[in-house]
Amino acid sequence: MPMANDSPASVASPRRPCAQDRDPPPWSLAPPPAGVDLASARTFCRRVAAWHYENFTVATRLVPASLRQHLANVYAFARWSDDLADEAASPGEAVAALAAWRRGLEDCFSGRPSHPVYIALADTIRESGLAIDPFSDLLAAFEEDAAFDRRGVTVRYPTRAALLSYCSRSANPVGRIVLALAGCRGADAVAMSDSICTALQLVNFWQDVRRDRLAGRVYLPVEDLDRHGVPETALDGAHATLPLCNLLRDEVAWARRSFDEGAPLVGLAPRVLRPAIRLFLAGGRALADAIERQGFDTLCARPRVGRWTKLALAARAWCDLQVAAISRSP
């Protein structure tokens, strides 16, 4: 399932945060090792994951040890891709950097990896038989945002259908990759995973309306803005207007319906993934609740899932893991 930056509900997704919210890029915190051996590459990916995803250790403890390095490799790919887009000096340079990174992805799947992230990822591909498609889709989402930035487009998507198409590239591939790592490729499971990942992406958008606006990005669909009579300039206020709060109420309800559609995956997915899926599902719903408690005004402050709530969710998932282990034992 999606991997977070600051809550169990976050998704590793294309995003240009405003300057004060940015984490340092991975190459400044974890410069690529001089050697390109597999052991160094694996260590590098774990360092990137640990520095940029505070819940990584918690989340990976909910899956078998055999999957943890693979999850670090996948996360490092997504994070490095994100930062190539967001840390470039200009949108044009971001487009060029992502094009070079895509060539690296193709080389990786052709058996010629060179960057440490791709050396580690190539090992994951060999062991799990992952296809290039979800990685290519993730990269396409970063490229899409960079292209919008280059053209100066602020309000990105005219309809909900168009935004869902973006989510199918920016969020859903992560869930598909994680399912595939556990050998799960069934159509029903994939569809439910897509619903959860899309919901996580949506609720992150509604959490970050102000931050995205400051970064020159608006993910609220034009048709929804128009239906509620919300002009784009309303996103510049210190507080959300009543029409904007009503709009965000509808958007959160949309995300919650998507969570509900994906919820049966908790019982359908491989047992080794169920605690982690439950954690992300509960975290996403908790973030939706946090937005509601704030009166759907995400301009005045960024809603967050409280530390104690996160700990409770993690504890519940850990207990589920122990129960599952006991049920599997002779």
Protein backbone atom coordinates (compact mmCIF):
# COMPACT_ATOMS: atom_id res chain seq x y z
CA MET A 1 0.00 0.00 0.00
CA PRO A 2 1.09 3.64 -0.27
CA MET A 3 3.97 4.77 1.84
CA ALA A 4 3.75 7.93 3.87
CA ASN A 5 5.82 10.99 4.67
CA ASP A 6 4.14 12.26 7.83
CA SER A 7 1.09 10.14 8.61
CA PRO A 8 -0.27 6.68 7.96
CA ALA A 9 -2.53 8.34 5.41
CA SER A 10 0.03 9.92 3.14
CA VAL A 11 0.95 8.76 -0.31
CA ALA A 12 4.30 8.99 -2.00
CA SER A 13 2.93 11.15 -4.76
CA PRO A 14 3.93 14.00 -7.07
CA ARG A 15 3.92 17.18 -5.08
CA ARG A 16 5.80 20.50 -5.09
CA PRO A 17 5.60 21.63 -1.44
CA CYS A 18 6.24 25.24 -0.60
CA ALA A 19 9.82 25.97 0.36
CA GLN A 20 9.35 26.03 4.13
CA ASP A 21 7.73 22.58 4.07
CA ARG A 22 10.29 20.84 1.92
CA ASP A 23 12.53 18.11 3.22
CA PRO A 24 16.10 18.20 1.91
CA PRO A 25 16.45 16.14 -1.29
CA PRO A 26 17.77 12.61 -0.81
CA TRP A 27 21.06 13.35 -2.55
CA SER A 28 21.92 15.92 0.15
CA LEU A 29 21.09 13.62 3.08
CA ALA A 30 22.14 10.35 1.54
CA PRO A 31 24.58 10.98 -1.32
CA PRO A 32 24.92 8.02 -3.69
CA PRO A 33 27.75 5.73 -2.63
CA ALA A 34 30.90 5.71 -4.71
CA GLY A 35 30.62 1.96 -5.25
CA VAL A 36 27.77 0.37 -7.14
CA ASP A 37 27.69 -3.03 -5.49
CA LEU A 38 24.34 -4.44 -4.41
CA ALA A 39 25.04 -4.19 -0.68
CA SER A 40 25.86 -0.47 -0.94
CA ALA A 41 22.80 0.14 -3.08
CA ARG A 42 20.53 -1.62 -0.58
CA THR A 43 21.95 0.38 2.32
CA PHE A 44 21.49 3.59 0.36
CA CYS A 45 17.80 2.86 -0.28
CA ARG A 46 17.19 2.09 3.38
CA ARG A 47 18.82 5.40 4.33
CA VAL A 48 16.65 7.34 1.90
CA ALA A 49 13.53 5.63 3.25
CA ALA A 50 14.45 6.18 6.89
CA TRP A 51 15.25 9.87 6.41
CA HIS A 52 12.16 10.76 4.43
CA TYR A 53 9.45 8.52 5.80
CA GLU A 54 9.15 8.62 9.58
CA ASN A 55 6.68 5.72 9.63
CA PHE A 56 8.81 3.48 7.43
CA THR A 57 10.11 1.35 10.29
CA VAL A 58 6.60 0.95 11.72
CA ALA A 59 5.06 0.07 8.38
CA THR A 60 7.75 -2.39 7.37
CA ARG A 61 7.55 -4.17 10.72
CA LEU A 62 4.04 -5.14 9.67
CA VAL A 63 5.29 -7.16 6.71
CA PRO A 64 7.68 -10.13 6.56
CA ALA A 65 11.39 -9.36 6.77
CA SER A 66 11.78 -10.72 3.24
CA LEU A 67 9.78 -7.77 1.89
CA ARG A 68 11.34 -4.92 3.87
CA GLN A 69 14.35 -4.29 1.65
CA HIS A 70 12.14 -4.47 -1.44
CA LEU A 71 9.81 -1.86 0.06
CA ALA A 72 12.80 0.38 0.77
CA ASN A 73 13.94 0.01 -2.84
CA VAL A 74 10.49 0.91 -4.17
CA TYR A 75 10.17 3.86 -1.79
CA ALA A 76 13.62 5.17 -2.77
CA PHE A 77 12.59 5.07 -6.43
CA ALA A 78 9.40 7.04 -5.75
CA ARG A 79 11.14 9.54 -3.47
CA TRP A 80 14.05 10.14 -5.83
CA SER A 81 11.62 10.64 -8.72
CA ASP A 82 9.58 13.11 -6.65
CA ASP A 83 12.62 15.15 -5.68
CA LEU A 84 13.95 15.27 -9.23
CA ALA A 85 10.70 17.04 -10.09
CA ASP A 86 10.47 19.25 -7.01
CA GLU A 87 14.08 20.21 -6.36
CA ALA A 88 15.02 21.20 -9.90
CA ALA A 89 16.00 24.84 -10.41
CA SER A 90 13.24 25.30 -12.98
CA PRO A 91 10.31 23.34 -14.45
CA GLY A 92 12.32 22.88 -17.64
CA GLU A 93 15.19 21.30 -15.73
CA ALA A 94 12.70 19.05 -13.92
CA VAL A 95 11.38 17.80 -17.26
CA ALA A 96 14.92 17.05 -18.44
CA ALA A 97 15.90 15.34 -15.17
CA LEU A 98 12.82 13.12 -15.24
CA ALA A 99 13.50 12.18 -18.86
CA ALA A 100 17.00 11.03 -17.89
CA TRP A 101 15.59 9.16 -14.88
CA ARG A 102 13.10 7.39 -17.18
CA ARG A 103 15.99 6.24 -19.36
CA GLY A 104 17.56 4.86 -16.19
CA LEU A 105 14.34 2.97 -15.43
CA GLU A 106 14.36 1.42 -18.89
CA ASP A 107 18.02 0.44 -18.46
CA CYS A 108 17.17 -1.08 -15.08
CA PHE A 109 14.53 -3.33 -16.60
CA SER A 110 16.90 -4.17 -19.42
CA GLY A 111 19.46 -5.47 -16.94
CA ARG A 112 21.79 -2.45 -17.11
CA PRO A 113 21.20 -0.49 -13.88
CA SER A 114 23.75 2.16 -12.95
CA HIS A 115 22.29 4.41 -10.24
CA PRO A 116 22.25 2.90 -6.70
CA VAL A 117 18.44 3.08 -6.56
CA TYR A 118 18.18 1.13 -9.79
CA ILE A 119 20.84 -1.39 -8.75
CA ALA A 120 18.79 -2.20 -5.65
CA LEU A 121 15.52 -2.11 -7.58
CA ALA A 122 16.91 -4.48 -10.22
CA ASP A 123 17.44 -7.04 -7.47
CA THR A 124 13.81 -6.62 -6.40
CA ILE A 125 12.69 -7.08 -10.00
CA ARG A 126 14.72 -10.26 -10.36
CA GLU A 127 13.32 -11.77 -7.18
CA SER A 128 9.69 -10.77 -7.60
CA GLY A 129 9.13 -10.60 -11.36
CA LEU A 130 7.74 -7.06 -11.19
CA ALA A 131 6.74 -5.45 -14.48
CA ILE A 132 7.88 -2.01 -15.55
CA ASP A 133 4.32 -0.70 -15.98
CA PRO A 134 3.58 0.58 -12.43
CA PHE A 135 7.01 2.22 -12.17
CA SER A 136 6.52 3.84 -15.56
CA ASP A 137 3.08 5.04 -14.48
CA LEU A 138 4.46 6.60 -11.31
CA LEU A 139 7.10 8.39 -13.31
CA ALA A 140 4.44 9.57 -15.76
CA ALA A 141 2.61 11.29 -12.90
CA PHE A 142 5.75 13.19 -11.88
CA GLU A 143 6.30 14.10 -15.54
CA GLU A 144 2.70 15.28 -15.78
CA ASP A 145 3.10 17.65 -12.85
CA ALA A 146 6.41 18.93 -14.22
CA ALA A 147 4.77 19.59 -17.59
CA PHE A 148 1.93 21.52 -15.93
CA ASP A 149 4.49 23.53 -13.94
CA ARG A 150 6.45 24.29 -17.09
CA ARG A 151 3.31 25.63 -18.78
CA GLY A 152 2.25 27.59 -15.72
CA VAL A 153 -1.04 25.70 -15.32
CA THR A 154 -2.47 26.09 -11.81
CA VAL A 155 -5.88 24.39 -11.77
CA ARG A 156 -4.93 20.99 -13.12
CA TYR A 157 -8.01 18.88 -13.85
CA PRO A 158 -11.38 19.87 -15.34
CA THR A 159 -13.35 16.90 -14.00
CA ARG A 160 -13.28 14.25 -11.31
CA ALA A 161 -12.71 11.65 -14.02
CA ALA A 162 -9.55 13.50 -15.11
CA LEU A 163 -8.30 13.68 -11.52
CA LEU A 164 -8.99 9.96 -11.07
CA SER A 165 -6.94 9.30 -14.18
CA TYR A 166 -4.06 11.16 -12.57
CA CYS A 167 -4.47 9.15 -9.36
CA SER A 168 -4.27 5.97 -11.43
CA ARG A 169 -0.70 6.98 -12.20
CA SER A 170 0.35 8.87 -9.06
CA ALA A 171 -1.06 6.59 -6.34
CA ASN A 172 -2.48 3.29 -7.54
CA PRO A 173 0.82 1.86 -8.87
CA VAL A 174 2.28 1.80 -5.35
CA GLY A 175 -0.45 -0.51 -4.09
CA ARG A 176 -0.12 -2.71 -7.16
CA ILE A 177 3.63 -3.03 -6.63
CA VAL A 178 3.20 -3.99 -2.97
CA LEU A 179 0.54 -6.58 -3.82
CA ALA A 180 2.79 -8.02 -6.52
CA LEU A 181 5.69 -8.28 -4.07
CA ALA A 182 3.46 -10.62 -2.06
CA GLY A 183 2.49 -12.56 -5.19
CA CYS A 184 -1.02 -11.08 -5.36
CA ARG A 185 -2.16 -10.05 -8.83
CA GLY A 186 -5.88 -10.94 -8.76
CA ALA A 187 -8.19 -8.46 -10.46
CA ASP A 188 -10.48 -8.02 -7.45
CA ALA A 189 -7.60 -7.37 -5.06
CA VAL A 190 -5.98 -4.91 -7.47
CA ALA A 191 -9.26 -3.01 -7.91
CA MET A 192 -9.71 -2.71 -4.13
CA SER A 193 -6.10 -1.61 -3.72
CA ASP A 194 -6.67 1.03 -6.39
CA SER A 195 -9.69 2.33 -4.44
CA ILE A 196 -7.68 2.65 -1.22
CA CYS A 197 -4.71 4.28 -2.94
CA THR A 198 -6.94 6.73 -4.79
CA ALA A 199 -8.72 7.60 -1.55
CA LEU A 200 -5.37 8.20 0.17
CA GLN A 201 -4.31 10.48 -2.65
CA LEU A 202 -7.60 12.39 -2.56
CA VAL A 203 -7.61 12.92 1.20
CA ASN A 204 -3.99 14.15 0.97
CA PHE A 205 -5.10 16.66 -1.66
CA TRP A 206 -7.88 17.98 0.57
CA GLN A 207 -5.47 18.16 3.51
CA ASP A 208 -3.00 20.19 1.44
CA VAL A 209 -5.22 22.63 -0.45
CA ARG A 210 -3.33 25.61 0.95
CA ARG A 211 0.15 24.14 0.58
CA ASP A 212 -0.52 23.10 -3.01
CA ARG A 213 -1.98 26.53 -3.79
CA LEU A 214 1.18 28.21 -2.50
CA ALA A 215 3.16 25.89 -4.75
CA GLY A 216 1.07 26.87 -7.78
CA ARG A 217 -0.99 23.67 -7.91
CA VAL A 218 -4.73 23.16 -7.52
CA TYR A 219 -6.10 19.62 -7.58
CA LEU A 220 -9.73 20.51 -6.90
CA PRO A 221 -11.57 19.69 -10.15
CA VAL A 222 -12.90 22.68 -12.08
CA GLU A 223 -16.37 21.11 -12.28
CA ASP A 224 -16.51 20.87 -8.48
CA LEU A 225 -15.31 24.44 -7.99
CA ASP A 226 -17.96 25.64 -10.43
CA ARG A 227 -20.74 23.53 -8.91
CA HIS A 228 -20.12 25.08 -5.48
CA GLY A 229 -19.51 28.57 -6.83
CA VAL A 230 -15.95 28.69 -5.54
CA PRO A 231 -13.60 30.99 -7.50
CA GLU A 232 -9.95 30.06 -7.65
CA THR A 233 -9.10 33.21 -5.66
CA ALA A 234 -11.00 31.79 -2.67
CA LEU A 235 -8.02 29.48 -2.15
CA ASP A 236 -5.87 32.50 -1.25
CA GLY A 237 -7.78 33.40 1.92
CA ALA A 238 -6.63 32.83 5.48
CA HIS A 239 -9.82 30.84 6.07
CA ALA A 240 -12.06 28.84 3.79
CA THR A 241 -15.34 30.45 2.82
CA LEU A 242 -18.58 28.58 3.49
CA PRO A 243 -18.88 27.49 -0.18
CA LEU A 244 -15.29 26.19 -0.08
CA CYS A 245 -15.98 24.31 3.17
CA ASN A 246 -19.05 22.76 1.56
CA LEU A 247 -16.95 21.80 -1.46
CA LEU A 248 -14.33 20.14 0.74
CA ARG A 249 -17.09 18.35 2.65
CA ASP A 250 -18.16 16.77 -0.64
CA GLU A 251 -14.58 15.96 -1.62
CA VAL A 252 -13.91 14.24 1.72
CA ALA A 253 -17.13 12.25 1.30
CA TRP A 254 -15.85 11.17 -2.13
CA ALA A 255 -12.61 9.95 -0.57
CA ARG A 256 -14.49 8.11 2.16
CA ARG A 257 -16.60 6.27 -0.42
CA SER A 258 -13.41 5.17 -2.12
CA PHE A 259 -12.03 3.90 1.20
CA ASP A 260 -15.24 1.92 1.68
CA GLU A 261 -14.93 0.38 -1.78
CA GLY A 262 -11.40 -0.79 -1.02
CA ALA A 263 -11.96 -1.91 2.58
CA PRO A 264 -12.73 -5.57 1.74
CA LEU A 265 -9.09 -5.90 0.68
CA VAL A 266 -8.23 -6.32 4.38
CA GLY A 267 -9.80 -9.77 4.22
CA LEU A 268 -8.86 -10.63 0.64
CA ALA A 269 -5.17 -9.72 0.43
CA PRO A 270 -2.40 -12.14 1.40
CA ARG A 271 -2.27 -12.46 5.19
CA VAL A 272 1.23 -11.00 5.30
CA LEU A 273 -0.09 -7.66 3.99
CA ARG A 274 -3.34 -7.37 5.92
CA PRO A 275 -2.00 -5.53 9.02
CA ALA A 276 -0.26 -2.91 6.84
CA ILE A 277 -3.36 -2.49 4.67
CA ARG A 278 -5.49 -2.05 7.78
CA LEU A 279 -3.02 0.60 9.04
CA PHE A 280 -3.16 2.67 5.86
CA LEU A 281 -6.92 2.33 5.56
CA ALA A 282 -7.44 3.43 9.17
CA GLY A 283 -4.89 6.22 8.79
CA GLY A 284 -6.63 7.58 5.72
CA ARG A 285 -9.99 7.55 7.45
CA ALA A 286 -8.44 9.24 10.48
CA LEU A 287 -7.14 12.03 8.28
CA ALA A 288 -10.61 12.47 6.76
CA ASP A 289 -11.95 12.74 10.31
CA ALA A 290 -9.29 15.34 11.16
CA ILE A 291 -10.37 17.46 8.19
CA GLU A 292 -13.99 17.21 9.33
CA ARG A 293 -13.11 18.18 12.91
CA GLN A 294 -11.54 21.32 11.48
CA GLY A 295 -14.83 22.21 9.83
CA PHE A 296 -13.39 21.36 6.40
CA ASP A 297 -11.33 24.56 6.53
CA THR A 298 -7.89 23.41 5.39
CA LEU A 299 -6.72 26.95 4.65
CA CYS A 300 -6.46 28.05 8.29
CA ALA A 301 -4.24 25.10 9.27
CA ARG A 302 -3.10 21.78 7.87
CA PRO A 303 -5.12 18.95 9.46
CA ARG A 304 -3.02 16.18 10.91
CA VAL A 305 -3.52 12.81 12.50
CA GLY A 306 -2.43 13.17 16.12
CA ARG A 307 0.56 11.31 17.47
CA TRP A 308 -1.52 9.27 19.90
CA THR A 309 -3.94 8.33 17.15
CA LYS A 310 -1.03 7.18 15.00
CA LEU A 311 0.35 5.12 17.86
CA ALA A 312 -3.06 3.56 18.49
CA LEU A 313 -3.43 2.66 14.82
CA ALA A 314 0.05 1.16 14.73
CA ALA A 315 -0.62 -0.80 17.92
CA ARG A 316 -3.85 -2.18 16.49
CA ALA A 317 -2.05 -3.26 13.33
CA TRP A 318 0.72 -4.89 15.40
CA CYS A 319 -1.86 -6.79 17.44
CA ASP A 320 -3.48 -7.97 14.22
CA LEU A 321 -0.10 -9.21 13.11
CA GLN A 322 0.40 -11.19 16.32
CA VAL A 323 -3.07 -12.73 16.09
CA ALA A 324 -2.40 -13.71 12.49
CA ALA A 325 0.92 -15.30 13.48
CA ILE A 326 -0.74 -17.29 16.26
CA SER A 327 -3.49 -18.48 13.92
CA ARG A 328 -0.88 -19.74 11.45
CA SER A 329 1.14 -21.61 14.05
CA PRO A 330 0.49 -25.37 14.55
